[in-house]
Amino acid sequence: MTAAITAMITAVVGVLGTLFSPFLAQRLTVRQRAEEARLVGEQRKFEERRAQYTAMNRASRQFHTLLKDALHRIRDDVYTEQERAQLEEARLDHRDRYAEAQMIVPERILQASRDLNRVLAAGDAAIKRLDRGLARDGESVERALEDLRAADPCLDTMRELMRQDLGVTD
């Protein structure tokens, strides 16, 4: 009787195994695909954020550089329409990179960018007034250059926060 029961149990387990193996294989495949899709999504988001950080950093630094260059050219009385257009293009690029970033980067990065933008926007406004001969009391190229130096720590802070967010460590 024991051998018959053992044979019966073995047969039932074999049949159940045969019936359930495709189901179990399918469930395992679905889980693997879901995990792969999750990993691909995370990688895509990481790459998107990294590309956005690179664009924001580049645009901010370019705008800053062109602001300083404009001040030097105004001081030397060699500021031309080409430089004005180049500066305006950099300002618009800087603005566009920030606008693109608003939906994908953390708030602390946006705040660092806003802090930087305050300095850059003030420098841009001063340049426009100086260029048009409408300087405010006490406003000069030297003063504007000195005020623009406040952008350096803001640029460094923004870059460091971006690197931290991407997991870059020294």
N, C-alpha and C. Protein backbone atom coordinates (compact mmCIF):
# COMPACT_ATOMS: atom_id res chain seq x y z
N MET A 1 0.79 -1.17 0.00
CA MET A 1 0.00 0.00 0.00
C MET A 1 0.86 1.27 0.00
N THR A 2 1.94 1.27 0.69
CA THR A 2 2.82 2.41 0.77
C THR A 2 3.44 2.70 -0.59
N ALA A 3 3.82 1.69 -1.30
CA ALA A 3 4.40 1.87 -2.62
C ALA A 3 3.37 2.43 -3.58
N ALA A 4 2.13 1.98 -3.47
CA ALA A 4 1.06 2.46 -4.33
C ALA A 4 0.77 3.94 -4.05
N ILE A 5 0.77 4.30 -2.78
CA ILE A 5 0.51 5.70 -2.40
C ILE A 5 1.67 6.57 -2.86
N THR A 6 2.87 6.09 -2.70
CA THR A 6 4.05 6.84 -3.14
C THR A 6 4.01 7.04 -4.64
N ALA A 7 3.65 6.02 -5.37
CA ALA A 7 3.55 6.11 -6.83
C ALA A 7 2.46 7.10 -7.23
N MET A 8 1.35 7.07 -6.51
CA MET A 8 0.24 7.97 -6.80
C MET A 8 0.66 9.42 -6.54
N ILE A 9 1.31 9.66 -5.42
CA ILE A 9 1.76 11.01 -5.07
C ILE A 9 2.77 11.50 -6.10
N THR A 10 3.68 10.63 -6.48
CA THR A 10 4.69 10.99 -7.48
C THR A 10 4.02 11.34 -8.80
N ALA A 11 3.01 10.59 -9.19
CA ALA A 11 2.30 10.84 -10.44
C ALA A 11 1.57 12.18 -10.39
N VAL A 12 0.91 12.45 -9.24
CA VAL A 12 0.18 13.71 -9.08
C VAL A 12 1.15 14.89 -9.12
N VAL A 13 2.26 14.77 -8.40
CA VAL A 13 3.26 15.84 -8.39
C VAL A 13 3.82 16.05 -9.80
N GLY A 14 4.08 14.97 -10.49
CA GLY A 14 4.58 15.08 -11.87
C GLY A 14 3.61 15.78 -12.78
N VAL A 15 2.34 15.40 -12.69
CA VAL A 15 1.32 16.03 -13.52
C VAL A 15 1.19 17.51 -13.16
N LEU A 16 1.14 17.82 -11.84
CA LEU A 16 1.03 19.22 -11.41
C LEU A 16 2.25 20.02 -11.85
N GLY A 17 3.41 19.43 -11.74
CA GLY A 17 4.63 20.09 -12.20
C GLY A 17 4.58 20.39 -13.68
N THR A 18 4.10 19.44 -14.44
CA THR A 18 3.98 19.62 -15.89
C THR A 18 2.97 20.71 -16.21
N LEU A 19 1.87 20.75 -15.46
CA LEU A 19 0.84 21.74 -15.71
C LEU A 19 1.27 23.15 -15.27
N PHE A 20 1.96 23.24 -14.15
CA PHE A 20 2.32 24.55 -13.60
C PHE A 20 3.65 25.10 -14.11
N SER A 21 4.49 24.30 -14.71
CA SER A 21 5.80 24.81 -15.14
C SER A 21 5.69 25.93 -16.17
N PRO A 22 4.80 25.87 -17.17
CA PRO A 22 4.69 27.01 -18.08
C PRO A 22 4.21 28.28 -17.36
N PHE A 23 3.28 28.11 -16.43
CA PHE A 23 2.77 29.23 -15.66
C PHE A 23 3.89 29.87 -14.84
N LEU A 24 4.67 29.06 -14.15
CA LEU A 24 5.77 29.57 -13.34
C LEU A 24 6.84 30.23 -14.21
N ALA A 25 7.14 29.62 -15.34
CA ALA A 25 8.12 30.20 -16.26
C ALA A 25 7.64 31.56 -16.78
N GLN A 26 6.35 31.64 -17.08
CA GLN A 26 5.80 32.91 -17.57
C GLN A 26 5.89 33.98 -16.48
N ARG A 27 5.55 33.63 -15.26
CA ARG A 27 5.61 34.59 -14.15
C ARG A 27 7.04 35.08 -13.93
N LEU A 28 7.99 34.16 -14.01
CA LEU A 28 9.39 34.52 -13.86
C LEU A 28 9.83 35.45 -14.98
N THR A 29 9.41 35.17 -16.20
CA THR A 29 9.75 36.01 -17.35
C THR A 29 9.15 37.40 -17.20
N VAL A 30 7.90 37.48 -16.75
CA VAL A 30 7.24 38.76 -16.55
C VAL A 30 7.98 39.57 -15.50
N ARG A 31 8.38 38.95 -14.42
CA ARG A 31 9.14 39.64 -13.37
C ARG A 31 10.48 40.13 -13.90
N GLN A 32 11.16 39.29 -14.66
CA GLN A 32 12.46 39.69 -15.22
C GLN A 32 12.31 40.88 -16.17
N ARG A 33 11.30 40.83 -17.01
CA ARG A 33 11.08 41.93 -17.95
C ARG A 33 10.71 43.21 -17.22
N ALA A 34 9.91 43.10 -16.17
CA ALA A 34 9.55 44.28 -15.39
C ALA A 34 10.79 44.89 -14.74
N GLU A 35 11.65 44.05 -14.21
CA GLU A 35 12.89 44.54 -13.59
C GLU A 35 13.80 45.18 -14.63
N GLU A 36 13.91 44.56 -15.80
CA GLU A 36 14.72 45.13 -16.88
C GLU A 36 14.16 46.49 -17.31
N ALA A 37 12.83 46.58 -17.43
CA ALA A 37 12.20 47.84 -17.82
C ALA A 37 12.44 48.91 -16.76
N ARG A 38 12.38 48.53 -15.50
CA ARG A 38 12.63 49.47 -14.41
C ARG A 38 14.06 49.99 -14.48
N LEU A 39 15.01 49.08 -14.70
CA LEU A 39 16.42 49.47 -14.79
C LEU A 39 16.67 50.37 -16.00
N VAL A 40 16.05 50.05 -17.12
CA VAL A 40 16.19 50.88 -18.32
C VAL A 40 15.60 52.27 -18.06
N GLY A 41 14.46 52.32 -17.40
CA GLY A 41 13.84 53.60 -17.07
C GLY A 41 14.70 54.44 -16.15
N GLU A 42 15.28 53.81 -15.14
CA GLU A 42 16.17 54.52 -14.23
C GLU A 42 17.39 55.04 -14.97
N GLN A 43 17.96 54.23 -15.85
CA GLN A 43 19.13 54.65 -16.62
C GLN A 43 18.78 55.81 -17.54
N ARG A 44 17.60 55.74 -18.16
CA ARG A 44 17.15 56.82 -19.06
C ARG A 44 16.99 58.12 -18.28
N LYS A 45 16.37 58.04 -17.10
CA LYS A 45 16.20 59.24 -16.27
C LYS A 45 17.54 59.80 -15.83
N PHE A 46 18.46 58.93 -15.46
CA PHE A 46 19.79 59.36 -15.06
C PHE A 46 20.49 60.08 -16.22
N GLU A 47 20.44 59.50 -17.40
CA GLU A 47 21.09 60.09 -18.58
C GLU A 47 20.44 61.42 -18.94
N GLU A 48 19.12 61.49 -18.82
CA GLU A 48 18.39 62.73 -19.10
C GLU A 48 18.82 63.82 -18.12
N ARG A 49 18.90 63.47 -16.84
CA ARG A 49 19.32 64.43 -15.82
C ARG A 49 20.77 64.86 -16.04
N ARG A 50 21.63 63.92 -16.38
CA ARG A 50 23.04 64.23 -16.62
C ARG A 50 23.17 65.18 -17.81
N ALA A 51 22.43 64.91 -18.87
CA ALA A 51 22.47 65.78 -20.05
C ALA A 51 21.94 67.17 -19.71
N GLN A 52 20.89 67.22 -18.89
CA GLN A 52 20.33 68.51 -18.50
C GLN A 52 21.33 69.29 -17.64
N TYR A 53 21.98 68.60 -16.73
CA TYR A 53 22.98 69.26 -15.88
C TYR A 53 24.13 69.80 -16.73
N THR A 54 24.57 69.01 -17.68
CA THR A 54 25.66 69.45 -18.55
C THR A 54 25.24 70.70 -19.33
N ALA A 55 24.04 70.69 -19.87
CA ALA A 55 23.55 71.84 -20.63
C ALA A 55 23.39 73.07 -19.73
N MET A 56 22.84 72.89 -18.54
CA MET A 56 22.66 74.02 -17.62
C MET A 56 24.01 74.60 -17.22
N ASN A 57 24.94 73.73 -16.87
CA ASN A 57 26.26 74.18 -16.44
C ASN A 57 26.96 74.93 -17.58
N ARG A 58 26.94 74.35 -18.77
CA ARG A 58 27.58 74.99 -19.92
C ARG A 58 26.95 76.34 -20.23
N ALA A 59 25.63 76.40 -20.28
CA ALA A 59 24.94 77.65 -20.61
C ALA A 59 25.20 78.72 -19.55
N SER A 60 25.19 78.33 -18.29
CA SER A 60 25.43 79.30 -17.21
C SER A 60 26.84 79.85 -17.27
N ARG A 61 27.79 78.96 -17.48
CA ARG A 61 29.19 79.40 -17.55
C ARG A 61 29.45 80.25 -18.80
N GLN A 62 28.82 79.91 -19.90
CA GLN A 62 28.99 80.70 -21.12
C GLN A 62 28.40 82.10 -20.94
N PHE A 63 27.23 82.17 -20.35
CA PHE A 63 26.60 83.47 -20.10
C PHE A 63 27.49 84.31 -19.19
N HIS A 64 27.99 83.70 -18.13
CA HIS A 64 28.88 84.39 -17.19
C HIS A 64 30.12 84.91 -17.91
N THR A 65 30.73 84.09 -18.71
CA THR A 65 31.93 84.48 -19.44
C THR A 65 31.65 85.65 -20.39
N LEU A 66 30.54 85.57 -21.10
CA LEU A 66 30.21 86.64 -22.04
C LEU A 66 29.83 87.93 -21.33
N LEU A 67 29.25 87.82 -20.14
CA LEU A 67 28.98 89.04 -19.35
C LEU A 67 30.28 89.74 -18.98
N LYS A 68 31.23 88.95 -18.49
CA LYS A 68 32.54 89.54 -18.13
C LYS A 68 33.21 90.14 -19.36
N ASP A 69 33.16 89.41 -20.47
CA ASP A 69 33.77 89.89 -21.70
C ASP A 69 33.11 91.20 -22.15
N ALA A 70 31.81 91.28 -22.06
CA ALA A 70 31.09 92.50 -22.45
C ALA A 70 31.54 93.69 -21.60
N LEU A 71 31.70 93.45 -20.31
CA LEU A 71 32.14 94.55 -19.44
C LEU A 71 33.53 95.04 -19.83
N HIS A 72 34.42 94.12 -20.12
CA HIS A 72 35.76 94.51 -20.55
C HIS A 72 35.71 95.29 -21.87
N ARG A 73 34.84 94.85 -22.78
CA ARG A 73 34.74 95.51 -24.08
C ARG A 73 34.09 96.89 -23.94
N ILE A 74 33.11 97.01 -23.05
CA ILE A 74 32.51 98.33 -22.80
C ILE A 74 33.56 99.26 -22.22
N ARG A 75 34.32 98.78 -21.28
CA ARG A 75 35.38 99.58 -20.66
C ARG A 75 36.38 100.06 -21.71
N ASP A 76 36.71 99.16 -22.64
CA ASP A 76 37.70 99.48 -23.67
C ASP A 76 37.08 100.18 -24.88
N ASP A 77 35.77 100.43 -24.82
CA ASP A 77 35.02 101.09 -25.88
C ASP A 77 35.13 100.35 -27.21
N VAL A 78 35.03 99.01 -27.15
CA VAL A 78 35.08 98.19 -28.37
C VAL A 78 33.93 97.19 -28.42
N TYR A 79 32.87 97.47 -27.71
CA TYR A 79 31.71 96.58 -27.65
C TYR A 79 30.89 96.77 -28.92
N THR A 80 30.69 95.69 -29.67
CA THR A 80 30.03 95.78 -30.98
C THR A 80 28.67 95.09 -30.97
N GLU A 81 27.95 95.27 -32.06
CA GLU A 81 26.66 94.60 -32.23
C GLU A 81 26.82 93.08 -32.21
N GLN A 82 27.91 92.59 -32.73
CA GLN A 82 28.14 91.15 -32.73
C GLN A 82 28.23 90.62 -31.30
N GLU A 83 28.95 91.33 -30.43
CA GLU A 83 29.04 90.90 -29.03
C GLU A 83 27.69 91.04 -28.32
N ARG A 84 26.95 92.08 -28.66
CA ARG A 84 25.61 92.25 -28.06
C ARG A 84 24.72 91.06 -28.44
N ALA A 85 24.76 90.70 -29.72
CA ALA A 85 23.95 89.57 -30.19
C ALA A 85 24.40 88.26 -29.55
N GLN A 86 25.70 88.10 -29.43
CA GLN A 86 26.25 86.88 -28.81
C GLN A 86 25.82 86.79 -27.35
N LEU A 87 25.87 87.90 -26.64
CA LEU A 87 25.44 87.92 -25.24
C LEU A 87 23.95 87.62 -25.13
N GLU A 88 23.15 88.20 -26.00
CA GLU A 88 21.70 87.95 -25.97
C GLU A 88 21.41 86.47 -26.26
N GLU A 89 22.12 85.90 -27.19
CA GLU A 89 21.96 84.47 -27.49
C GLU A 89 22.32 83.61 -26.27
N ALA A 90 23.39 83.96 -25.59
CA ALA A 90 23.79 83.21 -24.40
C ALA A 90 22.75 83.37 -23.28
N ARG A 91 22.19 84.57 -23.15
CA ARG A 91 21.15 84.80 -22.13
C ARG A 91 19.94 83.93 -22.42
N LEU A 92 19.52 83.90 -23.66
CA LEU A 92 18.36 83.09 -24.04
C LEU A 92 18.64 81.60 -23.85
N ASP A 93 19.84 81.16 -24.18
CA ASP A 93 20.20 79.76 -23.99
C ASP A 93 20.18 79.40 -22.51
N HIS A 94 20.73 80.30 -21.69
CA HIS A 94 20.72 80.09 -20.23
C HIS A 94 19.29 79.96 -19.72
N ARG A 95 18.42 80.86 -20.17
CA ARG A 95 17.01 80.82 -19.77
C ARG A 95 16.33 79.53 -20.22
N ASP A 96 16.61 79.12 -21.47
CA ASP A 96 15.99 77.90 -22.00
C ASP A 96 16.44 76.66 -21.25
N ARG A 97 17.70 76.57 -20.89
CA ARG A 97 18.20 75.40 -20.15
C ARG A 97 17.51 75.31 -18.79
N TYR A 98 17.33 76.45 -18.15
CA TYR A 98 16.63 76.45 -16.86
C TYR A 98 15.18 76.01 -17.05
N ALA A 99 14.53 76.52 -18.07
CA ALA A 99 13.12 76.15 -18.32
C ALA A 99 13.00 74.65 -18.58
N GLU A 100 13.92 74.08 -19.33
CA GLU A 100 13.88 72.63 -19.60
C GLU A 100 14.12 71.83 -18.33
N ALA A 101 14.95 72.33 -17.47
CA ALA A 101 15.33 71.59 -16.26
C ALA A 101 14.20 71.56 -15.22
N GLN A 102 13.31 72.50 -15.25
CA GLN A 102 12.31 72.63 -14.20
C GLN A 102 11.49 71.38 -13.95
N MET A 103 11.32 70.55 -14.93
CA MET A 103 10.48 69.37 -14.76
C MET A 103 11.26 68.11 -14.42
N ILE A 104 12.59 68.15 -14.47
CA ILE A 104 13.31 66.90 -14.26
C ILE A 104 14.41 66.96 -13.19
N VAL A 105 14.76 68.13 -12.73
CA VAL A 105 15.85 68.19 -11.74
C VAL A 105 15.29 68.53 -10.36
N PRO A 106 16.00 68.09 -9.32
CA PRO A 106 15.53 68.36 -7.95
C PRO A 106 15.50 69.85 -7.63
N GLU A 107 14.67 70.20 -6.68
CA GLU A 107 14.48 71.60 -6.29
C GLU A 107 15.78 72.25 -5.83
N ARG A 108 16.64 71.52 -5.14
CA ARG A 108 17.88 72.13 -4.64
C ARG A 108 18.78 72.57 -5.80
N ILE A 109 18.72 71.88 -6.92
CA ILE A 109 19.49 72.28 -8.10
C ILE A 109 18.85 73.53 -8.72
N LEU A 110 17.53 73.55 -8.79
CA LEU A 110 16.84 74.72 -9.32
C LEU A 110 17.10 75.94 -8.45
N GLN A 111 17.14 75.75 -7.14
CA GLN A 111 17.41 76.88 -6.24
C GLN A 111 18.81 77.41 -6.46
N ALA A 112 19.78 76.52 -6.62
CA ALA A 112 21.15 76.95 -6.90
C ALA A 112 21.20 77.72 -8.22
N SER A 113 20.45 77.27 -9.20
CA SER A 113 20.40 77.96 -10.50
C SER A 113 19.73 79.33 -10.35
N ARG A 114 18.68 79.42 -9.53
CA ARG A 114 18.03 80.71 -9.30
C ARG A 114 18.98 81.68 -8.60
N ASP A 115 19.74 81.18 -7.63
CA ASP A 115 20.71 82.03 -6.93
C ASP A 115 21.74 82.59 -7.91
N LEU A 116 22.22 81.72 -8.78
CA LEU A 116 23.16 82.13 -9.81
C LEU A 116 22.50 83.12 -10.77
N ASN A 117 21.28 82.85 -11.17
CA ASN A 117 20.59 83.70 -12.13
C ASN A 117 20.40 85.11 -11.61
N ARG A 118 20.20 85.26 -10.30
CA ARG A 118 20.05 86.61 -9.75
C ARG A 118 21.30 87.44 -10.03
N VAL A 119 22.46 86.85 -9.83
CA VAL A 119 23.73 87.54 -10.06
C VAL A 119 23.91 87.83 -11.54
N LEU A 120 23.65 86.82 -12.38
CA LEU A 120 23.85 87.00 -13.82
C LEU A 120 22.87 88.03 -14.39
N ALA A 121 21.63 87.98 -13.94
CA ALA A 121 20.62 88.93 -14.43
C ALA A 121 20.98 90.36 -14.03
N ALA A 122 21.47 90.52 -12.81
CA ALA A 122 21.89 91.86 -12.37
C ALA A 122 23.06 92.35 -13.22
N GLY A 123 23.99 91.47 -13.52
CA GLY A 123 25.11 91.83 -14.38
C GLY A 123 24.65 92.19 -15.78
N ASP A 124 23.72 91.41 -16.31
CA ASP A 124 23.19 91.67 -17.64
C ASP A 124 22.49 93.03 -17.68
N ALA A 125 21.70 93.32 -16.67
CA ALA A 125 21.00 94.62 -16.62
C ALA A 125 22.00 95.77 -16.52
N ALA A 126 23.04 95.60 -15.71
CA ALA A 126 24.05 96.65 -15.57
C ALA A 126 24.76 96.87 -16.91
N ILE A 127 25.07 95.79 -17.60
CA ILE A 127 25.73 95.91 -18.91
C ILE A 127 24.85 96.69 -19.88
N LYS A 128 23.58 96.39 -19.90
CA LYS A 128 22.68 97.09 -20.82
C LYS A 128 22.61 98.57 -20.48
N ARG A 129 22.55 98.90 -19.19
CA ARG A 129 22.53 100.33 -18.81
C ARG A 129 23.85 101.01 -19.16
N LEU A 130 24.96 100.35 -18.85
CA LEU A 130 26.27 100.93 -19.16
C LEU A 130 26.45 101.11 -20.66
N ASP A 131 26.02 100.13 -21.43
CA ASP A 131 26.15 100.18 -22.88
C ASP A 131 25.31 101.33 -23.47
N ARG A 132 24.18 101.61 -22.88
CA ARG A 132 23.29 102.67 -23.39
C ARG A 132 23.60 104.03 -22.80
N GLY A 133 24.59 104.07 -21.89
CA GLY A 133 24.93 105.35 -21.26
C GLY A 133 23.92 105.76 -20.21
N LEU A 134 23.23 104.78 -19.63
CA LEU A 134 22.19 105.07 -18.63
C LEU A 134 22.55 104.50 -17.26
N ALA A 135 23.83 104.53 -16.92
CA ALA A 135 24.30 103.95 -15.66
C ALA A 135 23.64 104.64 -14.48
N ARG A 136 23.35 103.85 -13.46
CA ARG A 136 22.80 104.38 -12.21
C ARG A 136 23.93 105.03 -11.41
N ASP A 137 23.54 105.78 -10.38
CA ASP A 137 24.55 106.41 -9.52
C ASP A 137 25.48 105.36 -8.96
N GLY A 138 26.77 105.59 -9.12
CA GLY A 138 27.79 104.67 -8.59
C GLY A 138 28.01 103.43 -9.44
N GLU A 139 27.26 103.29 -10.51
CA GLU A 139 27.40 102.11 -11.36
C GLU A 139 28.52 102.36 -12.37
N SER A 140 29.43 101.40 -12.45
CA SER A 140 30.54 101.51 -13.39
C SER A 140 30.92 100.10 -13.84
N VAL A 141 31.76 100.04 -14.84
CA VAL A 141 32.24 98.75 -15.33
C VAL A 141 32.97 98.02 -14.21
N GLU A 142 33.82 98.73 -13.48
CA GLU A 142 34.58 98.09 -12.40
C GLU A 142 33.66 97.54 -11.32
N ARG A 143 32.64 98.32 -10.97
CA ARG A 143 31.67 97.87 -9.96
C ARG A 143 30.90 96.65 -10.47
N ALA A 144 30.50 96.68 -11.73
CA ALA A 144 29.75 95.55 -12.32
C ALA A 144 30.62 94.30 -12.36
N LEU A 145 31.91 94.46 -12.69
CA LEU A 145 32.82 93.31 -12.69
C LEU A 145 32.96 92.74 -11.28
N GLU A 146 33.06 93.62 -10.31
CA GLU A 146 33.16 93.18 -8.91
C GLU A 146 31.88 92.45 -8.49
N ASP A 147 30.73 92.99 -8.84
CA ASP A 147 29.45 92.35 -8.49
C ASP A 147 29.32 91.00 -9.19
N LEU A 148 29.82 90.90 -10.40
CA LEU A 148 29.72 89.66 -11.17
C LEU A 148 30.58 88.54 -10.58
N ARG A 149 31.58 88.91 -9.78
CA ARG A 149 32.40 87.89 -9.13
C ARG A 149 31.58 87.03 -8.16
N ALA A 150 30.44 87.53 -7.73
CA ALA A 150 29.56 86.76 -6.84
C ALA A 150 29.00 85.53 -7.54
N ALA A 151 29.09 85.50 -8.86
CA ALA A 151 28.60 84.34 -9.61
C ALA A 151 29.53 83.13 -9.43
N ASP A 152 30.80 83.37 -9.18
CA ASP A 152 31.76 82.26 -9.08
C ASP A 152 31.36 81.23 -8.02
N PRO A 153 31.10 81.63 -6.78
CA PRO A 153 30.69 80.61 -5.80
C PRO A 153 29.33 79.99 -6.13
N CYS A 154 28.45 80.74 -6.77
CA CYS A 154 27.15 80.19 -7.17
C CYS A 154 27.34 79.11 -8.24
N LEU A 155 28.22 79.38 -9.20
CA LEU A 155 28.52 78.37 -10.23
C LEU A 155 29.11 77.12 -9.60
N ASP A 156 30.02 77.31 -8.66
CA ASP A 156 30.65 76.16 -7.99
C ASP A 156 29.63 75.36 -7.19
N THR A 157 28.75 76.05 -6.48
CA THR A 157 27.72 75.38 -5.68
C THR A 157 26.78 74.58 -6.57
N MET A 158 26.33 75.19 -7.66
CA MET A 158 25.42 74.50 -8.56
C MET A 158 26.09 73.26 -9.14
N ARG A 159 27.33 73.40 -9.59
CA ARG A 159 28.06 72.25 -10.15
C ARG A 159 28.22 71.15 -9.11
N GLU A 160 28.57 71.52 -7.89
CA GLU A 160 28.77 70.52 -6.83
C GLU A 160 27.47 69.79 -6.51
N LEU A 161 26.37 70.50 -6.44
CA LEU A 161 25.07 69.85 -6.19
C LEU A 161 24.70 68.91 -7.32
N MET A 162 24.98 69.31 -8.54
CA MET A 162 24.70 68.44 -9.69
C MET A 162 25.53 67.17 -9.62
N ARG A 163 26.81 67.32 -9.31
CA ARG A 163 27.70 66.17 -9.22
C ARG A 163 27.24 65.23 -8.09
N GLN A 164 26.85 65.80 -6.97
CA GLN A 164 26.36 64.97 -5.86
C GLN A 164 25.12 64.19 -6.29
N ASP A 165 24.21 64.87 -6.97
CA ASP A 165 22.98 64.22 -7.41
C ASP A 165 23.26 63.07 -8.37
N LEU A 166 24.31 63.22 -9.17
CA LEU A 166 24.68 62.16 -10.11
C LEU A 166 25.54 61.07 -9.48
N GLY A 167 25.91 61.28 -8.21
CA GLY A 167 26.71 60.28 -7.52
C GLY A 167 28.20 60.37 -7.80
N VAL A 168 28.63 61.51 -8.33
CA VAL A 168 30.06 61.71 -8.61
C VAL A 168 30.75 62.11 -7.31
N THR A 169 31.75 61.35 -6.94
CA THR A 169 32.50 61.67 -5.73
C THR A 169 33.98 61.78 -6.08
N ASP A 170 34.67 62.56 -5.29
CA ASP A 170 36.11 62.73 -5.52
C ASP A 170 36.89 61.74 -4.69
